[in-house]
Amino acid sequence: MTSALFEVNKKYWTDRAPSYSQVNQEELAGCQRSNWLREISRQIQMVYPNRAPQEITVLDAGTGPGFFAVILAEAGYKVTAIDAAPAMLAEAKRNAGPWQEAIDFRLMDAQKPTFTAESFDVVLSRNLTWVLEDPEQTYGNWHHVLKPGGLLLNFDANWYNYLYDADLKQQYEQDRRNVQQNDLEDHYLSTDIDAMEAIALQVPLTGIQRPHWDIRTLEKLRMRSITTDVSVWQRVWSTVEKINYASTPMFMIAAIK
C-alpha cells in the first residue's frame, strides 16, 4: 500500500515529466553529457579498475527522463533504470533513442527496489533522496541490492532548505535575479513552485544539512570508504545551471558495501 505523500509525489513528477524531459534533452545535447559521464565513470573505475563497462551492472534509481541511463548505456554499462512514474519512463525511453533496447526499463518505486539481494555492482541516483518520505530506509534497500564491494553513488543537493532558512531564502531570490539579469532560462519557471514547496515541507530531509546526514546514515549500514565531494557541481553543471542553482550546490556521496 502506498502512502498519501507517495501519491502526491508521483502525481507531481508525472505532471512535470514533459518539462523535466526537456531539461534532460538539453543535458544530452550539451556539455553535461560528457561532464557527467566522465565523473561517474571515474568513480566506477576507481572501484572496478580492471573491468570493462560491459561487465558492470548499474541500477539507476529514480531515472526520471533517463539522463544517467542513456549516457551510461551508450558507454557500454549494463543499465537497469527504474522509476515509479509511468510518464517518466515513457520520456526516458524516448530520450534513449537507439539505446532503448540496451536499457532494462522497469516501473518500480526507487525507494523499494524489488530485485534480489546483491544484484548490482553500482547503484546510483540524482536529485531523488531529498524528496523521499523515508530516505534512511531507501539507503538500506539500495544497500540490500548492491553486491559486496559494490559502489553506491548519490548526487543531490539541499533543495528547498530556503523554506527554513532566511539567509538561504535571500540567496535563492538572488539566484532568480541573476538569471534574469543574464537573460537566461529560469529553471524554476518549469516547476509548480507551490506544489513543490508543499511537498518539500512534508519530507524529512528538507532543512537537514547534507551530506552530513548521509554520512551518518551510511555509517549505520556499515558501508566503507565513504567520501563526499561538495564541489562536484563545478565539474558537471553548465554555466546556466551554475547561475540558476548557485545557492543550492550539488554534492556527491560515494560509499562501498
C-alpha atoms as a PDB file:
ATOM      1  CA  MET A   1       0.000   0.000   0.000  1.00  0.00           C
ATOM      2  CA  THR A   2       1.333   3.427  -0.920  1.00  0.00           C
ATOM      3  CA  SER A   3       1.106   6.494   1.299  1.00  0.00           C
ATOM      4  CA  ALA A   4      -0.745   9.708   0.529  1.00  0.00           C
ATOM      5  CA  LEU A   5       2.571  11.552   0.261  1.00  0.00           C
ATOM      6  CA  PHE A   6       3.887   8.999  -2.217  1.00  0.00           C
ATOM      7  CA  GLU A   7       0.826   9.524  -4.401  1.00  0.00           C
ATOM      8  CA  VAL A   8       1.166  13.312  -4.229  1.00  0.00           C
ATOM      9  CA  ASN A   9       4.839  12.997  -5.146  1.00  0.00           C
ATOM     10  CA  LYS A  10       4.058  10.635  -8.005  1.00  0.00           C
ATOM     11  CA  LYS A  11       1.388  12.965  -9.406  1.00  0.00           C
ATOM     12  CA  TYR A  12       3.720  15.942  -9.249  1.00  0.00           C
ATOM     13  CA  TRP A  13       6.502  14.185 -11.158  1.00  0.00           C
ATOM     14  CA  THR A  14       4.010  12.688 -13.599  1.00  0.00           C
ATOM     15  CA  ASP A  15       2.701  16.159 -14.431  1.00  0.00           C
ATOM     16  CA  ARG A  16       6.234  17.503 -14.695  1.00  0.00           C
ATOM     17  CA  ALA A  17       7.538  14.681 -16.908  1.00  0.00           C
ATOM     18  CA  PRO A  18       7.399  16.602 -20.230  1.00  0.00           C
ATOM     19  CA  SER A  19       9.211  19.702 -18.922  1.00  0.00           C
ATOM     20  CA  TYR A  20      11.727  17.642 -16.942  1.00  0.00           C
ATOM     21  CA  SER A  21      12.363  15.580 -20.050  1.00  0.00           C
ATOM     22  CA  GLN A  22      13.157  18.768 -21.948  1.00  0.00           C
ATOM     23  CA  VAL A  23      15.808  19.546 -19.325  1.00  0.00           C
ATOM     24  CA  ASN A  24      17.328  16.077 -19.843  1.00  0.00           C
ATOM     25  CA  GLN A  25      17.269  16.563 -23.607  1.00  0.00           C
ATOM     26  CA  GLU A  26      19.187  19.813 -23.193  1.00  0.00           C
ATOM     27  CA  GLU A  27      21.702  17.996 -20.988  1.00  0.00           C
ATOM     28  CA  LEU A  28      22.138  15.269 -23.594  1.00  0.00           C
ATOM     29  CA  ALA A  29      22.772  17.924 -26.228  1.00  0.00           C
ATOM     30  CA  GLY A  30      25.122  19.989 -24.075  1.00  0.00           C
ATOM     31  CA  CYS A  31      28.346  19.766 -22.117  1.00  0.00           C
ATOM     32  CA  GLN A  32      26.627  17.880 -19.297  1.00  0.00           C
ATOM     33  CA  ARG A  33      26.612  14.678 -21.351  1.00  0.00           C
ATOM     34  CA  SER A  34      30.399  14.364 -21.324  1.00  0.00           C
ATOM     35  CA  ASN A  35      30.831  16.059 -17.933  1.00  0.00           C
ATOM     36  CA  TRP A  36      28.584  13.606 -16.116  1.00  0.00           C
ATOM     37  CA  LEU A  37      29.881  10.537 -17.943  1.00  0.00           C
ATOM     38  CA  ARG A  38      33.443  11.484 -17.106  1.00  0.00           C
ATOM     39  CA  GLU A  39      32.585  11.997 -13.428  1.00  0.00           C
ATOM     40  CA  ILE A  40      30.563   8.806 -12.996  1.00  0.00           C
ATOM     41  CA  SER A  41      33.000   6.660 -14.979  1.00  0.00           C
ATOM     42  CA  ARG A  42      35.878   7.942 -12.863  1.00  0.00           C
ATOM     43  CA  GLN A  43      34.088   6.894  -9.688  1.00  0.00           C
ATOM     44  CA  ILE A  44      33.222   3.470 -11.088  1.00  0.00           C
ATOM     45  CA  GLN A  45      36.717   2.846 -12.412  1.00  0.00           C
ATOM     46  CA  MET A  46      38.232   3.583  -9.003  1.00  0.00           C
ATOM     47  CA  VAL A  47      36.197   0.672  -7.635  1.00  0.00           C
ATOM     48  CA  TYR A  48      36.470  -1.605 -10.683  1.00  0.00           C
ATOM     49  CA  PRO A  49      39.801  -0.681 -12.330  1.00  0.00           C
ATOM     50  CA  ASN A  50      40.136  -3.964 -14.217  1.00  0.00           C
ATOM     51  CA  ARG A  51      36.612  -4.388 -15.515  1.00  0.00           C
ATOM     52  CA  ALA A  52      35.122  -3.136 -18.760  1.00  0.00           C
ATOM     53  CA  PRO A  53      31.792  -1.260 -18.673  1.00  0.00           C
ATOM     54  CA  GLN A  54      30.116  -4.259 -20.343  1.00  0.00           C
ATOM     55  CA  GLU A  55      30.926  -6.283 -17.218  1.00  0.00           C
ATOM     56  CA  ILE A  56      29.397  -3.794 -14.765  1.00  0.00           C
ATOM     57  CA  THR A  57      25.719  -3.791 -13.786  1.00  0.00           C
ATOM     58  CA  VAL A  58      24.223  -0.430 -12.833  1.00  0.00           C
ATOM     59  CA  LEU A  59      20.902   0.405 -11.178  1.00  0.00           C
ATOM     60  CA  ASP A  60      19.724   3.932 -11.984  1.00  0.00           C
ATOM     61  CA  ALA A  61      17.310   4.514  -9.109  1.00  0.00           C
ATOM     62  CA  GLY A  62      14.693   7.121  -9.959  1.00  0.00           C
ATOM     63  CA  THR A  63      15.802   7.513 -13.547  1.00  0.00           C
ATOM     64  CA  GLY A  64      13.252  10.220 -14.380  1.00  0.00           C
ATOM     65  CA  PRO A  65      13.587  11.045 -18.099  1.00  0.00           C
ATOM     66  CA  GLY A  66      16.622   8.788 -18.271  1.00  0.00           C
ATOM     67  CA  PHE A  67      19.694  11.019 -18.484  1.00  0.00           C
ATOM     68  CA  PHE A  68      22.018   8.786 -16.443  1.00  0.00           C
ATOM     69  CA  ALA A  69      20.647   5.614 -18.036  1.00  0.00           C
ATOM     70  CA  VAL A  70      21.250   6.923 -21.551  1.00  0.00           C
ATOM     71  CA  ILE A  71      24.824   8.152 -21.088  1.00  0.00           C
ATOM     72  CA  LEU A  72      25.854   5.008 -19.208  1.00  0.00           C
ATOM     73  CA  ALA A  73      24.246   2.612 -21.693  1.00  0.00           C
ATOM     74  CA  GLU A  74      25.929   4.488 -24.519  1.00  0.00           C
ATOM     75  CA  ALA A  75      29.251   3.972 -22.715  1.00  0.00           C
ATOM     76  CA  GLY A  76      28.619   0.226 -22.546  1.00  0.00           C
ATOM     77  CA  TYR A  77      27.405  -0.285 -18.971  1.00  0.00           C
ATOM     78  CA  LYS A  78      24.597  -2.790 -18.320  1.00  0.00           C
ATOM     79  CA  VAL A  79      21.918  -0.436 -17.061  1.00  0.00           C
ATOM     80  CA  THR A  80      18.628  -1.095 -15.303  1.00  0.00           C
ATOM     81  CA  ALA A  81      16.551   2.078 -14.898  1.00  0.00           C
ATOM     82  CA  ILE A  82      13.607   2.289 -12.507  1.00  0.00           C
ATOM     83  CA  ASP A  83      11.007   4.937 -11.776  1.00  0.00           C
ATOM     84  CA  ALA A  84       7.595   4.960 -10.105  1.00  0.00           C
ATOM     85  CA  ALA A  85       6.021   7.300 -12.665  1.00  0.00           C
ATOM     86  CA  PRO A  86       4.997   5.691 -15.989  1.00  0.00           C
ATOM     87  CA  ALA A  87       5.168   9.110 -17.671  1.00  0.00           C
ATOM     88  CA  MET A  88       8.807   9.479 -16.659  1.00  0.00           C
ATOM     89  CA  LEU A  89       9.666   6.039 -18.019  1.00  0.00           C
ATOM     90  CA  ALA A  90       7.921   6.876 -21.277  1.00  0.00           C
ATOM     91  CA  GLU A  91      10.046  10.019 -21.600  1.00  0.00           C
ATOM     92  CA  ALA A  92      13.184   8.058 -20.683  1.00  0.00           C
ATOM     93  CA  LYS A  93      12.535   5.509 -23.416  1.00  0.00           C
ATOM     94  CA  ARG A  94      12.064   8.263 -25.989  1.00  0.00           C
ATOM     95  CA  ASN A  95      15.225  10.019 -24.853  1.00  0.00           C
ATOM     96  CA  ALA A  96      17.181   6.762 -25.064  1.00  0.00           C
ATOM     97  CA  GLY A  97      16.657   6.623 -28.818  1.00  0.00           C
ATOM     98  CA  PRO A  98      18.911   3.907 -30.274  1.00  0.00           C
ATOM     99  CA  TRP A  99      19.952   2.850 -26.757  1.00  0.00           C
ATOM    100  CA  GLN A 100      16.417   1.996 -25.667  1.00  0.00           C
ATOM    101  CA  GLU A 101      16.853  -1.743 -26.183  1.00  0.00           C
ATOM    102  CA  ALA A 102      20.127  -1.707 -24.251  1.00  0.00           C
ATOM    103  CA  ILE A 103      18.434  -0.418 -21.094  1.00  0.00           C
ATOM    104  CA  ASP A 104      16.198  -2.507 -18.855  1.00  0.00           C
ATOM    105  CA  PHE A 105      13.427  -0.019 -18.001  1.00  0.00           C
ATOM    106  CA  ARG A 106      11.162  -1.048 -15.125  1.00  0.00           C
ATOM    107  CA  LEU A 107       8.192   0.579 -13.407  1.00  0.00           C
ATOM    108  CA  MET A 108       9.276   0.385  -9.783  1.00  0.00           C
ATOM    109  CA  ASP A 109       9.446   2.538  -6.660  1.00  0.00           C
ATOM    110  CA  ALA A 110      13.103   3.560  -6.286  1.00  0.00           C
ATOM    111  CA  GLN A 111      12.598   3.568  -2.519  1.00  0.00           C
ATOM    112  CA  LYS A 112      11.789  -0.142  -2.533  1.00  0.00           C
ATOM    113  CA  PRO A 113      13.532  -1.907  -5.428  1.00  0.00           C
ATOM    114  CA  THR A 114      12.263  -5.488  -5.642  1.00  0.00           C
ATOM    115  CA  PHE A 115      15.410  -7.076  -7.056  1.00  0.00           C
ATOM    116  CA  THR A 116      17.075  -9.961  -5.288  1.00  0.00           C
ATOM    117  CA  ALA A 117      19.887  -9.210  -2.861  1.00  0.00           C
ATOM    118  CA  GLU A 118      23.291  -8.383  -4.289  1.00  0.00           C
ATOM    119  CA  SER A 119      22.092  -7.808  -7.856  1.00  0.00           C
ATOM    120  CA  PHE A 120      24.112  -4.745  -8.897  1.00  0.00           C
ATOM    121  CA  ASP A 121      27.717  -3.594  -8.995  1.00  0.00           C
ATOM    122  CA  VAL A 122      26.645   0.049  -8.843  1.00  0.00           C
ATOM    123  CA  VAL A 123      23.560   1.824  -7.511  1.00  0.00           C
ATOM    124  CA  LEU A 124      23.361   5.493  -8.395  1.00  0.00           C
ATOM    125  CA  SER A 125      20.849   8.295  -8.179  1.00  0.00           C
ATOM    126  CA  ARG A 126      20.483  12.019  -8.762  1.00  0.00           C
ATOM    127  CA  ASN A 127      18.104  14.577  -7.227  1.00  0.00           C
ATOM    128  CA  LEU A 128      15.987  11.895  -5.587  1.00  0.00           C
ATOM    129  CA  THR A 129      16.803  11.252  -1.928  1.00  0.00           C
ATOM    130  CA  TRP A 130      15.878  14.762  -0.809  1.00  0.00           C
ATOM    131  CA  VAL A 131      12.230  14.255  -1.793  1.00  0.00           C
ATOM    132  CA  LEU A 132      11.710  10.761  -0.330  1.00  0.00           C
ATOM    133  CA  GLU A 133       9.485  10.128   2.663  1.00  0.00           C
ATOM    134  CA  ASP A 134      11.884   7.545   4.153  1.00  0.00           C
ATOM    135  CA  PRO A 135      15.390   8.183   2.776  1.00  0.00           C
ATOM    136  CA  GLU A 136      17.069   6.180   5.535  1.00  0.00           C
ATOM    137  CA  GLN A 137      15.125   3.043   4.636  1.00  0.00           C
ATOM    138  CA  THR A 138      15.805   3.737   0.969  1.00  0.00           C
ATOM    139  CA  TYR A 139      19.546   3.745   1.591  1.00  0.00           C
ATOM    140  CA  GLY A 140      19.093   0.422   3.373  1.00  0.00           C
ATOM    141  CA  ASN A 141      17.200  -1.025   0.422  1.00  0.00           C
ATOM    142  CA  TRP A 142      19.855   0.159  -2.021  1.00  0.00           C
ATOM    143  CA  HIS A 143      22.479  -1.428   0.194  1.00  0.00           C
ATOM    144  CA  HIS A 144      20.485  -4.675   0.032  1.00  0.00           C
ATOM    145  CA  VAL A 145      20.548  -4.908  -3.772  1.00  0.00           C
ATOM    146  CA  LEU A 146      24.197  -3.860  -4.009  1.00  0.00           C
ATOM    147  CA  LYS A 147      26.851  -6.557  -4.365  1.00  0.00           C
ATOM    148  CA  PRO A 148      29.583  -6.833  -1.716  1.00  0.00           C
ATOM    149  CA  GLY A 149      32.306  -4.405  -2.722  1.00  0.00           C
ATOM    150  CA  GLY A 150      29.801  -2.522  -4.873  1.00  0.00           C
ATOM    151  CA  LEU A 151      29.552   1.235  -5.272  1.00  0.00           C
ATOM    152  CA  LEU A 152      26.719   3.444  -4.033  1.00  0.00           C
ATOM    153  CA  LEU A 153      26.845   6.814  -5.753  1.00  0.00           C
ATOM    154  CA  ASN A 154      24.384   9.588  -4.976  1.00  0.00           C
ATOM    155  CA  PHE A 155      24.220  13.135  -6.309  1.00  0.00           C
ATOM    156  CA  ASP A 156      21.859  15.520  -4.560  1.00  0.00           C
ATOM    157  CA  ALA A 157      21.558  18.981  -3.001  1.00  0.00           C
ATOM    158  CA  ASN A 158      19.881  20.713  -0.099  1.00  0.00           C
ATOM    159  CA  TRP A 159      16.911  21.572  -2.275  1.00  0.00           C
ATOM    160  CA  TYR A 160      14.294  23.873  -0.753  1.00  0.00           C
ATOM    161  CA  ASN A 161      16.189  24.340   2.521  1.00  0.00           C
ATOM    162  CA  TYR A 162      15.441  28.026   1.976  1.00  0.00           C
ATOM    163  CA  LEU A 163      11.969  27.230   3.339  1.00  0.00           C
ATOM    164  CA  TYR A 164      13.565  27.010   6.796  1.00  0.00           C
ATOM    165  CA  ASP A 165      16.432  29.483   6.474  1.00  0.00           C
ATOM    166  CA  ALA A 166      16.005  33.222   5.839  1.00  0.00           C
ATOM    167  CA  ASP A 167      19.591  33.633   4.605  1.00  0.00           C
ATOM    168  CA  LEU A 168      19.158  30.816   2.085  1.00  0.00           C
ATOM    169  CA  LYS A 169      15.872  32.383   1.005  1.00  0.00           C
ATOM    170  CA  GLN A 170      17.697  35.616   0.194  1.00  0.00           C
ATOM    171  CA  GLN A 171      20.342  33.676  -1.734  1.00  0.00           C
ATOM    172  CA  TYR A 172      17.643  31.814  -3.671  1.00  0.00           C
ATOM    173  CA  GLU A 173      15.955  35.110  -4.573  1.00  0.00           C
ATOM    174  CA  GLN A 174      19.329  36.497  -5.677  1.00  0.00           C
ATOM    175  CA  ASP A 175      19.707  33.469  -7.967  1.00  0.00           C
ATOM    176  CA  ARG A 176      16.422  34.405  -9.610  1.00  0.00           C
ATOM    177  CA  ARG A 177      17.622  37.974 -10.138  1.00  0.00           C
ATOM    178  CA  ASN A 178      20.958  36.774 -11.520  1.00  0.00           C
ATOM    179  CA  VAL A 179      19.173  34.533 -14.002  1.00  0.00           C
ATOM    180  CA  GLN A 180      17.030  37.438 -15.167  1.00  0.00           C
ATOM    181  CA  GLN A 181      19.959  39.855 -15.385  1.00  0.00           C
ATOM    182  CA  ASN A 182      21.892  37.377 -17.529  1.00  0.00           C
ATOM    183  CA  ASP A 183      18.837  36.822 -19.747  1.00  0.00           C
ATOM    184  CA  LEU A 184      18.882  33.075 -19.090  1.00  0.00           C
ATOM    185  CA  GLU A 185      16.174  30.461 -18.759  1.00  0.00           C
ATOM    186  CA  ASP A 186      14.933  30.246 -15.177  1.00  0.00           C
ATOM    187  CA  HIS A 187      14.691  26.537 -14.408  1.00  0.00           C
ATOM    188  CA  TYR A 188      12.239  27.158 -11.599  1.00  0.00           C
ATOM    189  CA  LEU A 189       9.676  28.512 -14.076  1.00  0.00           C
ATOM    190  CA  SER A 190       9.182  24.983 -15.416  1.00  0.00           C
ATOM    191  CA  THR A 191       8.038  23.792 -11.998  1.00  0.00           C
ATOM    192  CA  ASP A 192       4.889  24.261  -9.977  1.00  0.00           C
ATOM    193  CA  ILE A 193       6.682  26.050  -7.150  1.00  0.00           C
ATOM    194  CA  ASP A 194       3.718  25.990  -4.761  1.00  0.00           C
ATOM    195  CA  ALA A 195       3.220  22.248  -5.211  1.00  0.00           C
ATOM    196  CA  MET A 196       6.924  21.501  -4.902  1.00  0.00           C
ATOM    197  CA  GLU A 197       7.303  23.607  -1.766  1.00  0.00           C
ATOM    198  CA  ALA A 198       4.272  21.884  -0.233  1.00  0.00           C
ATOM    199  CA  ILE A 199       5.915  18.505  -0.826  1.00  0.00           C
ATOM    200  CA  ALA A 200       9.272  19.765   0.444  1.00  0.00           C
ATOM    201  CA  LEU A 201       7.665  20.811   3.716  1.00  0.00           C
ATOM    202  CA  GLN A 202       6.426  17.241   4.270  1.00  0.00           C
ATOM    203  CA  VAL A 203       9.577  15.240   3.532  1.00  0.00           C
ATOM    204  CA  PRO A 204      12.164  14.690   6.279  1.00  0.00           C
ATOM    205  CA  LEU A 205      15.334  15.929   4.586  1.00  0.00           C
ATOM    206  CA  THR A 206      14.194  19.486   3.872  1.00  0.00           C
ATOM    207  CA  GLY A 207      16.042  21.667   6.349  1.00  0.00           C
ATOM    208  CA  ILE A 208      18.569  18.941   7.189  1.00  0.00           C
ATOM    209  CA  GLN A 209      22.204  19.746   6.471  1.00  0.00           C
ATOM    210  CA  ARG A 210      23.578  17.291   3.959  1.00  0.00           C
ATOM    211  CA  PRO A 211      25.742  15.410   3.109  1.00  0.00           C
ATOM    212  CA  HIS A 212      26.467  15.121   6.854  1.00  0.00           C
ATOM    213  CA  TRP A 213      23.188  13.273   7.336  1.00  0.00           C
ATOM    214  CA  ASP A 214      24.052  10.864   4.507  1.00  0.00           C
ATOM    215  CA  ILE A 215      27.440  10.067   6.013  1.00  0.00           C
ATOM    216  CA  ARG A 216      25.886   9.112   9.345  1.00  0.00           C
ATOM    217  CA  THR A 217      23.207   7.028   7.636  1.00  0.00           C
ATOM    218  CA  LEU A 218      25.712   5.100   5.518  1.00  0.00           C
ATOM    219  CA  GLU A 219      27.915   4.539   8.558  1.00  0.00           C
ATOM    220  CA  LYS A 220      24.953   2.853  10.264  1.00  0.00           C
ATOM    221  CA  LEU A 221      24.792   0.487   7.292  1.00  0.00           C
ATOM    222  CA  ARG A 222      28.495  -0.291   7.845  1.00  0.00           C
ATOM    223  CA  MET A 223      29.424   0.947   4.417  1.00  0.00           C
ATOM    224  CA  ARG A 224      33.114   1.584   3.802  1.00  0.00           C
ATOM    225  CA  SER A 225      35.228   4.263   2.171  1.00  0.00           C
ATOM    226  CA  ILE A 226      32.512   6.892   2.480  1.00  0.00           C
ATOM    227  CA  THR A 227      33.563  10.032   0.642  1.00  0.00           C
ATOM    228  CA  THR A 228      31.824  13.271  -0.224  1.00  0.00           C
ATOM    229  CA  ASP A 229      32.516  15.965  -2.776  1.00  0.00           C
ATOM    230  CA  VAL A 230      30.709  19.262  -2.324  1.00  0.00           C
ATOM    231  CA  SER A 231      32.339  20.808  -5.405  1.00  0.00           C
ATOM    232  CA  VAL A 232      31.197  18.232  -7.961  1.00  0.00           C
ATOM    233  CA  TRP A 233      28.687  20.738  -9.336  1.00  0.00           C
ATOM    234  CA  GLN A 234      31.570  22.820 -10.648  1.00  0.00           C
ATOM    235  CA  ARG A 235      32.632  19.948 -12.913  1.00  0.00           C
ATOM    236  CA  VAL A 236      29.273  18.706 -14.165  1.00  0.00           C
ATOM    237  CA  TRP A 237      26.917  21.682 -14.380  1.00  0.00           C
ATOM    238  CA  SER A 238      26.609  24.046 -17.324  1.00  0.00           C
ATOM    239  CA  THR A 239      27.007  27.783 -16.846  1.00  0.00           C
ATOM    240  CA  VAL A 240      23.225  28.180 -16.916  1.00  0.00           C
ATOM    241  CA  GLU A 241      22.818  25.629 -14.138  1.00  0.00           C
ATOM    242  CA  LYS A 242      25.527  27.245 -12.035  1.00  0.00           C
ATOM    243  CA  ILE A 243      23.687  30.562 -12.168  1.00  0.00           C
ATOM    244  CA  ASN A 244      20.253  29.010 -11.585  1.00  0.00           C
ATOM    245  CA  TYR A 245      21.344  26.955  -8.579  1.00  0.00           C
ATOM    246  CA  ALA A 246      24.239  28.920  -7.079  1.00  0.00           C
ATOM    247  CA  SER A 247      22.646  28.870  -3.619  1.00  0.00           C
ATOM    248  CA  THR A 248      21.973  25.120  -3.827  1.00  0.00           C
ATOM    249  CA  PRO A 249      25.241  23.461  -4.928  1.00  0.00           C
ATOM    250  CA  MET A 250      25.104  19.774  -5.742  1.00  0.00           C
ATOM    251  CA  PHE A 251      27.149  17.317  -3.692  1.00  0.00           C
ATOM    252  CA  MET A 252      28.260  13.755  -4.328  1.00  0.00           C
ATOM    253  CA  ILE A 253      28.433  10.968  -1.781  1.00  0.00           C
ATOM    254  CA  ALA A 254      30.088   7.652  -2.606  1.00  0.00           C
ATOM    255  CA  ALA A 255      30.403   4.529  -0.476  1.00  0.00           C
ATOM    256  CA  ILE A 256      31.473   0.901  -0.815  1.00  0.00           C
ATOM    257  CA  LYS A 257      29.471  -2.016   0.540  1.00  0.00           C
END
